[in-house]
Full PDB file with SEQRES, HELIX, SHEET, SSBOND, CRYST1, ORIGX, SCALE, CONECT and MASTER records, all heavy atoms in Angstrom:
SEQRES   1 A   40  ALA ARG ILE ARG ALA VAL LEU ARG ARG PHE GLY HIS ALA          
SEQRES   2 A   40  GLY GLY SER ALA GLN SER GLU ALA GLY ALA ASP ALA VAL          
SEQRES   3 A   40  THR GLY GLY VAL LEU ALA PHE GLY ASP LEU GLU ILE ASP          
SEQRES   4 A   40  THR                                                          
HELIX    1 AA1 ARG A    2  GLY A   11  1                                  10    
SHEET    1 AA1 3 ALA A  25  THR A  27  0                                        
SHEET    2 AA1 3 VAL A  30  PHE A  33 -1                                        
SHEET    3 AA1 3 LEU A  36  ASP A  39 -1                                        
CRYST1    1.000    1.000    1.000  90.00  90.00  90.00 P 1           1          
ORIGX1      1.000000  0.000000  0.000000        0.00000                         
ORIGX2      0.000000  1.000000  0.000000        0.00000                         
ORIGX3      0.000000  0.000000  1.000000        0.00000                         
SCALE1      1.000000  0.000000  0.000000        0.00000                         
SCALE2      0.000000  1.000000  0.000000        0.00000                         
SCALE3      0.000000  0.000000  1.000000        0.00000                         
ATOM      1  N   ALA A   1      -6.118   5.423  23.867  1.00  0.00           N  
ATOM      2  CA  ALA A   1      -6.097   4.245  22.934  1.00  0.00           C  
ATOM      3  C   ALA A   1      -6.308   4.695  21.510  1.00  0.00           C  
ATOM      4  O   ALA A   1      -5.662   4.199  20.593  1.00  0.00           O  
ATOM      5  CB  ALA A   1      -7.192   3.254  23.364  1.00  0.00           C  
ATOM      6  N   ARG A   2      -7.203   5.657  21.287  1.00  0.00           N  
ATOM      7  CA  ARG A   2      -7.447   6.129  19.916  1.00  0.00           C  
ATOM      8  C   ARG A   2      -6.254   6.891  19.411  1.00  0.00           C  
ATOM      9  O   ARG A   2      -5.888   6.776  18.244  1.00  0.00           O  
ATOM     10  CB  ARG A   2      -8.679   7.015  19.899  1.00  0.00           C  
ATOM     11  CG  ARG A   2      -9.983   6.287  20.277  1.00  0.00           C  
ATOM     12  CD  ARG A   2     -10.445   5.363  19.195  1.00  0.00           C  
ATOM     13  NE  ARG A   2     -11.286   6.041  18.229  1.00  0.00           N  
ATOM     14  CZ  ARG A   2     -12.613   6.227  18.399  1.00  0.00           C  
ATOM     15  NH1 ARG A   2     -13.243   5.756  19.468  1.00  0.00           N  
ATOM     16  NH2 ARG A   2     -13.292   6.866  17.487  1.00  0.00           N  
ATOM     17  N   ILE A   3      -5.620   7.674  20.261  1.00  0.00           N  
ATOM     18  CA  ILE A   3      -4.385   8.393  19.849  1.00  0.00           C  
ATOM     19  C   ILE A   3      -3.311   7.420  19.450  1.00  0.00           C  
ATOM     20  O   ILE A   3      -2.686   7.541  18.384  1.00  0.00           O  
ATOM     21  CB  ILE A   3      -3.916   9.307  20.974  1.00  0.00           C  
ATOM     22  CG1 ILE A   3      -4.862  10.473  21.199  1.00  0.00           C  
ATOM     23  CG2 ILE A   3      -2.500   9.842  20.654  1.00  0.00           C  
ATOM     24  CD1 ILE A   3      -4.510  11.306  22.417  1.00  0.00           C  
ATOM     25  N   ARG A   4      -3.100   6.382  20.266  1.00  0.00           N  
ATOM     26  CA  ARG A   4      -2.049   5.429  19.966  1.00  0.00           C  
ATOM     27  C   ARG A   4      -2.368   4.639  18.690  1.00  0.00           C  
ATOM     28  O   ARG A   4      -1.451   4.297  17.920  1.00  0.00           O  
ATOM     29  CB  ARG A   4      -1.841   4.498  21.131  1.00  0.00           C  
ATOM     30  CG  ARG A   4      -1.338   5.197  22.408  1.00  0.00           C  
ATOM     31  CD  ARG A   4      -0.797   4.208  23.434  1.00  0.00           C  
ATOM     32  NE  ARG A   4      -0.451   4.844  24.704  1.00  0.00           N  
ATOM     33  CZ  ARG A   4       0.623   5.575  24.905  1.00  0.00           C  
ATOM     34  NH1 ARG A   4       1.478   5.780  23.948  1.00  0.00           N  
ATOM     35  NH2 ARG A   4       0.842   6.082  26.117  1.00  0.00           N  
ATOM     36  N   ALA A   5      -3.646   4.328  18.496  1.00  0.00           N  
ATOM     37  CA  ALA A   5      -4.028   3.603  17.273  1.00  0.00           C  
ATOM     38  C   ALA A   5      -3.719   4.438  16.008  1.00  0.00           C  
ATOM     39  O   ALA A   5      -3.192   3.919  15.043  1.00  0.00           O  
ATOM     40  CB  ALA A   5      -5.520   3.262  17.300  1.00  0.00           C  
ATOM     41  N   VAL A   6      -4.061   5.724  16.058  1.00  0.00           N  
ATOM     42  CA  VAL A   6      -3.758   6.605  14.933  1.00  0.00           C  
ATOM     43  C   VAL A   6      -2.245   6.713  14.708  1.00  0.00           C  
ATOM     44  O   VAL A   6      -1.769   6.599  13.565  1.00  0.00           O  
ATOM     45  CB  VAL A   6      -4.369   8.029  15.185  1.00  0.00           C  
ATOM     46  CG1 VAL A   6      -3.863   8.985  14.132  1.00  0.00           C  
ATOM     47  CG2 VAL A   6      -5.857   7.949  15.132  1.00  0.00           C  
ATOM     48  N   LEU A   7      -1.505   6.890  15.782  1.00  0.00           N  
ATOM     49  CA  LEU A   7      -0.035   7.002  15.660  1.00  0.00           C  
ATOM     50  C   LEU A   7       0.563   5.730  15.117  1.00  0.00           C  
ATOM     51  O   LEU A   7       1.550   5.771  14.343  1.00  0.00           O  
ATOM     52  CB  LEU A   7       0.572   7.368  16.980  1.00  0.00           C  
ATOM     53  CG  LEU A   7       0.242   8.786  17.492  1.00  0.00           C  
ATOM     54  CD1 LEU A   7       0.716   8.958  18.927  1.00  0.00           C  
ATOM     55  CD2 LEU A   7       0.874   9.860  16.603  1.00  0.00           C  
ATOM     56  N   ARG A   8       0.059   4.572  15.497  1.00  0.00           N  
ATOM     57  CA  ARG A   8       0.588   3.297  14.992  1.00  0.00           C  
ATOM     58  C   ARG A   8       0.446   3.197  13.493  1.00  0.00           C  
ATOM     59  O   ARG A   8       1.375   2.823  12.782  1.00  0.00           O  
ATOM     60  CB  ARG A   8      -0.140   2.075  15.658  1.00  0.00           C  
ATOM     61  CG  ARG A   8       0.425   1.726  16.989  1.00  0.00           C  
ATOM     62  CD  ARG A   8       0.003   0.327  17.433  1.00  0.00           C  
ATOM     63  NE  ARG A   8      -1.459   0.184  17.467  1.00  0.00           N  
ATOM     64  CZ  ARG A   8      -2.184   0.468  18.542  1.00  0.00           C  
ATOM     65  NH1 ARG A   8      -1.616   0.927  19.604  1.00  0.00           N  
ATOM     66  NH2 ARG A   8      -3.494   0.272  18.496  1.00  0.00           N  
ATOM     67  N   ARG A   9      -0.736   3.567  12.988  1.00  0.00           N  
ATOM     68  CA  ARG A   9      -0.921   3.410  11.543  1.00  0.00           C  
ATOM     69  C   ARG A   9      -0.158   4.491  10.774  1.00  0.00           C  
ATOM     70  O   ARG A   9       0.233   4.268   9.648  1.00  0.00           O  
ATOM     71  CB  ARG A   9      -2.394   3.396  11.182  1.00  0.00           C  
ATOM     72  CG  ARG A   9      -3.189   4.635  11.354  1.00  0.00           C  
ATOM     73  CD  ARG A   9      -4.573   4.421  10.825  1.00  0.00           C  
ATOM     74  NE  ARG A   9      -5.410   5.591  10.875  1.00  0.00           N  
ATOM     75  CZ  ARG A   9      -6.272   5.847  11.842  1.00  0.00           C  
ATOM     76  NH1 ARG A   9      -6.382   5.040  12.870  1.00  0.00           N  
ATOM     77  NH2 ARG A   9      -7.015   6.960  11.788  1.00  0.00           N  
ATOM     78  N   PHE A  10       0.064   5.632  11.397  1.00  0.00           N  
ATOM     79  CA  PHE A  10       0.869   6.649  10.714  1.00  0.00           C  
ATOM     80  C   PHE A  10       2.337   6.291  10.725  1.00  0.00           C  
ATOM     81  O   PHE A  10       3.087   6.712   9.892  1.00  0.00           O  
ATOM     82  CB  PHE A  10       0.652   8.020  11.392  1.00  0.00           C  
ATOM     83  CG  PHE A  10      -0.456   8.805  10.821  1.00  0.00           C  
ATOM     84  CD1 PHE A  10      -1.767   8.257  10.810  1.00  0.00           C  
ATOM     85  CD2 PHE A  10      -0.274  10.047  10.250  1.00  0.00           C  
ATOM     86  CE1 PHE A  10      -2.803   8.964  10.266  1.00  0.00           C  
ATOM     87  CE2 PHE A  10      -1.315  10.753   9.720  1.00  0.00           C  
ATOM     88  CZ  PHE A  10      -2.606  10.208   9.703  1.00  0.00           C  
ATOM     89  N   GLY A  11       2.734   5.491  11.730  1.00  0.00           N  
ATOM     90  CA  GLY A  11       4.140   5.121  11.852  1.00  0.00           C  
ATOM     91  C   GLY A  11       4.576   4.079  10.852  1.00  0.00           C  
ATOM     92  O   GLY A  11       5.737   3.962  10.532  1.00  0.00           O  
ATOM     93  N   HIS A  12       3.584   3.321  10.293  1.00  0.00           N  
ATOM     94  CA  HIS A  12       3.949   2.345   9.274  1.00  0.00           C  
ATOM     95  C   HIS A  12       2.831   2.278   8.265  1.00  0.00           C  
ATOM     96  O   HIS A  12       2.142   1.280   8.093  1.00  0.00           O  
ATOM     97  CB  HIS A  12       4.197   0.960   9.876  1.00  0.00           C  
ATOM     98  CG  HIS A  12       3.116   0.450  10.768  1.00  0.00           C  
ATOM     99  ND1 HIS A  12       3.015   0.774  12.063  1.00  0.00           N  
ATOM    100  CD2 HIS A  12       2.048  -0.351  10.541  1.00  0.00           C  
ATOM    101  CE1 HIS A  12       1.953   0.221  12.649  1.00  0.00           C  
ATOM    102  NE2 HIS A  12       1.340  -0.463  11.691  1.00  0.00           N  
ATOM    103  N   ALA A  13       2.673   3.428   7.535  1.00  0.00           N  
ATOM    104  CA  ALA A  13       1.566   3.545   6.568  1.00  0.00           C  
ATOM    105  C   ALA A  13       1.666   2.478   5.471  1.00  0.00           C  
ATOM    106  O   ALA A  13       0.674   2.082   4.931  1.00  0.00           O  
ATOM    107  CB  ALA A  13       1.582   4.929   5.930  1.00  0.00           C  
ATOM    108  N   GLY A  14       2.903   1.988   5.182  1.00  0.00           N  
ATOM    109  CA  GLY A  14       3.029   0.989   4.138  1.00  0.00           C  
ATOM    110  C   GLY A  14       2.504  -0.368   4.582  1.00  0.00           C  
ATOM    111  O   GLY A  14       1.919  -1.067   3.787  1.00  0.00           O  
ATOM    112  N   GLY A  15       2.737  -0.720   5.848  1.00  0.00           N  
ATOM    113  CA  GLY A  15       2.305  -2.000   6.363  1.00  0.00           C  
ATOM    114  C   GLY A  15       2.777  -3.106   5.445  1.00  0.00           C  
ATOM    115  O   GLY A  15       3.822  -3.064   4.868  1.00  0.00           O  
ATOM    116  N   SER A  16       1.956  -4.129   5.352  1.00  0.00           N  
ATOM    117  CA  SER A  16       2.265  -5.248   4.461  1.00  0.00           C  
ATOM    118  C   SER A  16       1.188  -5.421   3.404  1.00  0.00           C  
ATOM    119  O   SER A  16       1.055  -6.450   2.781  1.00  0.00           O  
ATOM    120  CB  SER A  16       2.387  -6.548   5.258  1.00  0.00           C  
ATOM    121  OG  SER A  16       1.201  -6.845   5.961  1.00  0.00           O  
ATOM    122  N   ALA A  17       0.377  -4.388   3.251  1.00  0.00           N  
ATOM    123  CA  ALA A  17      -0.784  -4.511   2.384  1.00  0.00           C  
ATOM    124  C   ALA A  17      -0.376  -4.309   0.928  1.00  0.00           C  
ATOM    125  O   ALA A  17      -0.489  -3.263   0.363  1.00  0.00           O  
ATOM    126  CB  ALA A  17      -1.835  -3.456   2.764  1.00  0.00           C  
ATOM    127  N   GLN A  18       0.107  -5.343   0.308  1.00  0.00           N  
ATOM    128  CA  GLN A  18       0.392  -5.267  -1.096  1.00  0.00           C  
ATOM    129  C   GLN A  18       0.309  -6.675  -1.684  1.00  0.00           C  
ATOM    130  O   GLN A  18       0.529  -7.662  -1.058  1.00  0.00           O  
ATOM    131  CB  GLN A  18       1.771  -4.679  -1.387  1.00  0.00           C  
ATOM    132  CG  GLN A  18       2.921  -5.328  -0.610  1.00  0.00           C  
ATOM    133  CD  GLN A  18       4.227  -4.659  -0.894  1.00  0.00           C  
ATOM    134  OE1 GLN A  18       4.767  -4.807  -1.984  1.00  0.00           O  
ATOM    135  NE2 GLN A  18       4.768  -3.988   0.060  1.00  0.00           N  
ATOM    136  N   SER A  19      -0.139  -6.731  -2.953  1.00  0.00           N  
ATOM    137  CA  SER A  19      -0.378  -8.012  -3.575  1.00  0.00           C  
ATOM    138  C   SER A  19      -0.245  -7.831  -5.070  1.00  0.00           C  
ATOM    139  O   SER A  19      -0.507  -6.789  -5.629  1.00  0.00           O  
ATOM    140  CB  SER A  19      -1.767  -8.531  -3.227  1.00  0.00           C  
ATOM    141  OG  SER A  19      -2.119  -9.642  -4.028  1.00  0.00           O  
ATOM    142  N   GLU A  20       0.127  -8.927  -5.742  1.00  0.00           N  
ATOM    143  CA  GLU A  20       0.207  -8.880  -7.205  1.00  0.00           C  
ATOM    144  C   GLU A  20      -1.135  -9.247  -7.821  1.00  0.00           C  
ATOM    145  O   GLU A  20      -1.350  -9.015  -8.995  1.00  0.00           O  
ATOM    146  CB  GLU A  20       1.294  -9.862  -7.693  1.00  0.00           C  
ATOM    147  CG  GLU A  20       2.669  -9.474  -7.205  1.00  0.00           C  
ATOM    148  CD  GLU A  20       3.732 -10.385  -7.748  1.00  0.00           C  
ATOM    149  OE1 GLU A  20       3.399 -11.212  -8.625  1.00  0.00           O  
ATOM    150  OE2 GLU A  20       4.888 -10.282  -7.340  1.00  0.00           O  
ATOM    151  N   ALA A  21      -2.025  -9.820  -7.073  1.00  0.00           N  
ATOM    152  CA  ALA A  21      -3.259 -10.307  -7.648  1.00  0.00           C  
ATOM    153  C   ALA A  21      -4.082  -9.166  -8.287  1.00  0.00           C  
ATOM    154  O   ALA A  21      -4.308  -8.168  -7.659  1.00  0.00           O  
ATOM    155  CB  ALA A  21      -4.099 -10.986  -6.545  1.00  0.00           C  
ATOM    156  N   GLY A  22      -4.486  -9.379  -9.488  1.00  0.00           N  
ATOM    157  CA  GLY A  22      -5.386  -8.457 -10.149  1.00  0.00           C  
ATOM    158  C   GLY A  22      -4.739  -7.198 -10.732  1.00  0.00           C  
ATOM    159  O   GLY A  22      -5.395  -6.435 -11.421  1.00  0.00           O  
ATOM    160  N   ALA A  23      -3.499  -6.938 -10.475  1.00  0.00           N  
ATOM    161  CA  ALA A  23      -2.862  -5.739 -11.007  1.00  0.00           C  
ATOM    162  C   ALA A  23      -2.484  -5.961 -12.447  1.00  0.00           C  
ATOM    163  O   ALA A  23      -2.112  -7.057 -12.841  1.00  0.00           O  
ATOM    164  CB  ALA A  23      -1.624  -5.407 -10.179  1.00  0.00           C  
ATOM    165  N   ASP A  24      -2.529  -4.854 -13.230  1.00  0.00           N  
ATOM    166  CA  ASP A  24      -2.160  -4.966 -14.619  1.00  0.00           C  
ATOM    167  C   ASP A  24      -0.657  -5.221 -14.745  1.00  0.00           C  
ATOM    168  O   ASP A  24      -0.194  -5.876 -15.662  1.00  0.00           O  
ATOM    169  CB  ASP A  24      -2.500  -3.645 -15.342  1.00  0.00           C  
ATOM    170  CG  ASP A  24      -4.005  -3.448 -15.439  1.00  0.00           C  
ATOM    171  OD1 ASP A  24      -4.739  -4.444 -15.354  1.00  0.00           O  
ATOM    172  OD2 ASP A  24      -4.429  -2.312 -15.517  1.00  0.00           O  
ATOM    173  N   ALA A  25       0.101  -4.663 -13.809  1.00  0.00           N  
ATOM    174  CA  ALA A  25       1.546  -4.846 -13.851  1.00  0.00           C  
ATOM    175  C   ALA A  25       2.141  -4.593 -12.463  1.00  0.00           C  
ATOM    176  O   ALA A  25       1.647  -3.797 -11.719  1.00  0.00           O  
ATOM    177  CB  ALA A  25       2.186  -3.883 -14.851  1.00  0.00           C  
ATOM    178  N   VAL A  26       3.189  -5.313 -12.151  1.00  0.00           N  
ATOM    179  CA  VAL A  26       3.890  -5.117 -10.905  1.00  0.00           C  
ATOM    180  C   VAL A  26       5.371  -5.037 -11.220  1.00  0.00           C  
ATOM    181  O   VAL A  26       5.966  -5.975 -11.683  1.00  0.00           O  
ATOM    182  CB  VAL A  26       3.608  -6.298  -9.903  1.00  0.00           C  
ATOM    183  CG1 VAL A  26       4.313  -6.016  -8.607  1.00  0.00           C  
ATOM    184  CG2 VAL A  26       2.140  -6.480  -9.690  1.00  0.00           C  
ATOM    185  N   THR A  27       5.959  -3.871 -10.947  1.00  0.00           N  
ATOM    186  CA  THR A  27       7.382  -3.710 -11.228  1.00  0.00           C  
ATOM    187  C   THR A  27       8.006  -2.918 -10.081  1.00  0.00           C  
ATOM    188  O   THR A  27       7.651  -1.765  -9.838  1.00  0.00           O  
ATOM    189  CB  THR A  27       7.593  -2.898 -12.523  1.00  0.00           C  
ATOM    190  OG1 THR A  27       6.883  -3.565 -13.582  1.00  0.00           O  
ATOM    191  CG2 THR A  27       9.054  -2.836 -12.860  1.00  0.00           C  
ATOM    192  N   GLY A  28       8.898  -3.575  -9.382  1.00  0.00           N  
ATOM    193  CA  GLY A  28       9.583  -2.906  -8.296  1.00  0.00           C  
ATOM    194  C   GLY A  28       8.668  -2.342  -7.231  1.00  0.00           C  
ATOM    195  O   GLY A  28       8.869  -1.258  -6.734  1.00  0.00           O  
ATOM    196  N   GLY A  29       7.592  -3.105  -6.922  1.00  0.00           N  
ATOM    197  CA  GLY A  29       6.691  -2.647  -5.900  1.00  0.00           C  
ATOM    198  C   GLY A  29       5.624  -1.709  -6.375  1.00  0.00           C  
ATOM    199  O   GLY A  29       4.899  -1.144  -5.550  1.00  0.00           O  
ATOM    200  N   VAL A  30       5.502  -1.534  -7.690  1.00  0.00           N  
ATOM    201  CA  VAL A  30       4.483  -0.635  -8.266  1.00  0.00           C  
ATOM    202  C   VAL A  30       3.317  -1.475  -8.783  1.00  0.00           C  
ATOM    203  O   VAL A  30       3.481  -2.345  -9.593  1.00  0.00           O  
ATOM    204  CB  VAL A  30       5.054   0.236  -9.398  1.00  0.00           C  
ATOM    205  CG1 VAL A  30       3.956   1.061 -10.036  1.00  0.00           C  
ATOM    206  CG2 VAL A  30       6.168   1.105  -8.877  1.00  0.00           C  
ATOM    207  N   LEU A  31       2.128  -1.177  -8.241  1.00  0.00           N  
ATOM    208  CA  LEU A  31       0.900  -1.824  -8.708  1.00  0.00           C  
ATOM    209  C   LEU A  31       0.231  -0.885  -9.687  1.00  0.00           C  
ATOM    210  O   LEU A  31       0.145   0.320  -9.435  1.00  0.00           O  
ATOM    211  CB  LEU A  31      -0.050  -2.113  -7.518  1.00  0.00           C  
ATOM    212  CG  LEU A  31       0.536  -2.895  -6.348  1.00  0.00           C  
ATOM    213  CD1 LEU A  31      -0.536  -3.061  -5.270  1.00  0.00           C  
ATOM    214  CD2 LEU A  31       1.060  -4.265  -6.791  1.00  0.00           C  
ATOM    215  N   ALA A  32      -0.335  -1.434 -10.766  1.00  0.00           N  
ATOM    216  CA  ALA A  32      -1.019  -0.614 -11.753  1.00  0.00           C  
ATOM    217  C   ALA A  32      -2.439  -1.115 -11.987  1.00  0.00           C  
ATOM    218  O   ALA A  32      -2.670  -2.331 -12.172  1.00  0.00           O  
ATOM    219  CB  ALA A  32      -0.249  -0.646 -13.074  1.00  0.00           C  
ATOM    220  N   PHE A  33      -3.383  -0.207 -11.865  1.00  0.00           N  
ATOM    221  CA  PHE A  33      -4.786  -0.494 -12.131  1.00  0.00           C  
ATOM    222  C   PHE A  33      -5.281   0.580 -13.096  1.00  0.00           C  
ATOM    223  O   PHE A  33      -5.654   1.696 -12.728  1.00  0.00           O  
ATOM    224  CB  PHE A  33      -5.601  -0.403 -10.830  1.00  0.00           C  
ATOM    225  CG  PHE A  33      -5.160  -1.364  -9.773  1.00  0.00           C  
ATOM    226  CD1 PHE A  33      -4.220  -0.975  -8.825  1.00  0.00           C  
ATOM    227  CD2 PHE A  33      -5.641  -2.692  -9.730  1.00  0.00           C  
ATOM    228  CE1 PHE A  33      -3.767  -1.840  -7.863  1.00  0.00           C  
ATOM    229  CE2 PHE A  33      -5.219  -3.575  -8.740  1.00  0.00           C  
ATOM    230  CZ  PHE A  33      -4.286  -3.147  -7.783  1.00  0.00           C  
ATOM    231  N   GLY A  34      -5.231   0.251 -14.415  1.00  0.00           N  
ATOM    232  CA  GLY A  34      -5.559   1.257 -15.400  1.00  0.00           C  
ATOM    233  C   GLY A  34      -4.540   2.374 -15.334  1.00  0.00           C  
ATOM    234  O   GLY A  34      -3.354   2.153 -15.384  1.00  0.00           O  
ATOM    235  N   ASP A  35      -5.029   3.621 -15.192  1.00  0.00           N  
ATOM    236  CA  ASP A  35      -4.122   4.764 -15.159  1.00  0.00           C  
ATOM    237  C   ASP A  35      -3.656   5.057 -13.747  1.00  0.00           C  
ATOM    238  O   ASP A  35      -2.937   6.054 -13.477  1.00  0.00           O  
ATOM    239  CB  ASP A  35      -4.780   5.995 -15.767  1.00  0.00           C  
ATOM    240  CG  ASP A  35      -5.948   6.498 -14.943  1.00  0.00           C  
ATOM    241  OD1 ASP A  35      -6.391   5.803 -14.016  1.00  0.00           O  
ATOM    242  OD2 ASP A  35      -6.449   7.614 -15.259  1.00  0.00           O  
ATOM    243  N   LEU A  36      -4.032   4.186 -12.794  1.00  0.00           N  
ATOM    244  CA  LEU A  36      -3.617   4.381 -11.397  1.00  0.00           C  
ATOM    245  C   LEU A  36      -2.407   3.555 -11.068  1.00  0.00           C  
ATOM    246  O   LEU A  36      -2.450   2.312 -11.241  1.00  0.00           O  
ATOM    247  CB  LEU A  36      -4.799   4.027 -10.489  1.00  0.00           C  
ATOM    248  CG  LEU A  36      -4.565   4.190  -8.988  1.00  0.00           C  
ATOM    249  CD1 LEU A  36      -4.464   5.694  -8.633  1.00  0.00           C  
ATOM    250  CD2 LEU A  36      -5.712   3.552  -8.194  1.00  0.00           C  
ATOM    251  N   GLU A  37      -1.359   4.167 -10.569  1.00  0.00           N  
ATOM    252  CA  GLU A  37      -0.133   3.461 -10.159  1.00  0.00           C  
ATOM    253  C   GLU A  37       0.098   3.696  -8.688  1.00  0.00           C  
ATOM    254  O   GLU A  37       0.069   4.828  -8.188  1.00  0.00           O  
ATOM    255  CB  GLU A  37       1.073   3.957 -10.966  1.00  0.00           C  
ATOM    256  CG  GLU A  37       0.964   3.640 -12.438  1.00  0.00           C  
ATOM    257  CD  GLU A  37       2.250   4.102 -13.202  1.00  0.00           C  
ATOM    258  OE1 GLU A  37       3.021   4.888 -12.577  1.00  0.00           O  
ATOM    259  OE2 GLU A  37       2.447   3.645 -14.335  1.00  0.00           O  
ATOM    260  N   ILE A  38       0.387   2.602  -7.956  1.00  0.00           N  
ATOM    261  CA  ILE A  38       0.645   2.662  -6.546  1.00  0.00           C  
ATOM    262  C   ILE A  38       2.009   2.116  -6.256  1.00  0.00           C  
ATOM    263  O   ILE A  38       2.286   0.913  -6.447  1.00  0.00           O  
ATOM    264  CB  ILE A  38      -0.426   1.848  -5.744  1.00  0.00           C  
ATOM    265  CG1 ILE A  38      -1.834   2.264  -6.153  1.00  0.00           C  
ATOM    266  CG2 ILE A  38      -0.200   2.023  -4.243  1.00  0.00           C  
ATOM    267  CD1 ILE A  38      -2.903   1.305  -5.678  1.00  0.00           C  
ATOM    268  N   ASP A  39       2.914   2.941  -5.807  1.00  0.00           N  
ATOM    269  CA  ASP A  39       4.286   2.543  -5.449  1.00  0.00           C  
ATOM    270  C   ASP A  39       4.262   2.158  -3.975  1.00  0.00           C  
ATOM    271  O   ASP A  39       4.238   3.007  -3.093  1.00  0.00           O  
ATOM    272  CB  ASP A  39       5.240   3.703  -5.652  1.00  0.00           C  
ATOM    273  CG  ASP A  39       6.716   3.304  -5.388  1.00  0.00           C  
ATOM    274  OD1 ASP A  39       6.911   2.265  -4.753  1.00  0.00           O  
ATOM    275  OD2 ASP A  39       7.596   4.057  -5.779  1.00  0.00           O  
ATOM    276  N   THR A  40       4.219   0.858  -3.715  1.00  0.00           N  
ATOM    277  CA  THR A  40       4.068   0.349  -2.371  1.00  0.00           C  
ATOM    278  C   THR A  40       5.356   0.442  -1.522  1.00  0.00           C  
ATOM    279  O   THR A  40       5.311   0.281  -0.312  1.00  0.00           O  
ATOM    280  CB  THR A  40       3.581  -1.115  -2.347  1.00  0.00           C  
ATOM    281  OG1 THR A  40       4.555  -1.926  -2.998  1.00  0.00           O  
ATOM    282  CG2 THR A  40       2.228  -1.229  -3.051  1.00  0.00           C  
TER     283      THR A  40                                                      
MASTER        0    0    0    1    3    0    0    6  282    1    0    4          
END                                                                             
């Protein structure tokens, strides 16, 4: 069960965890928090 759980999250690391709330800017799936940019 633990192996399968790890493999599941590695298989779709992007998931659906993204939001525009609170980000300084959102452009083409890129979230910006100060000097940190996350390309979702």
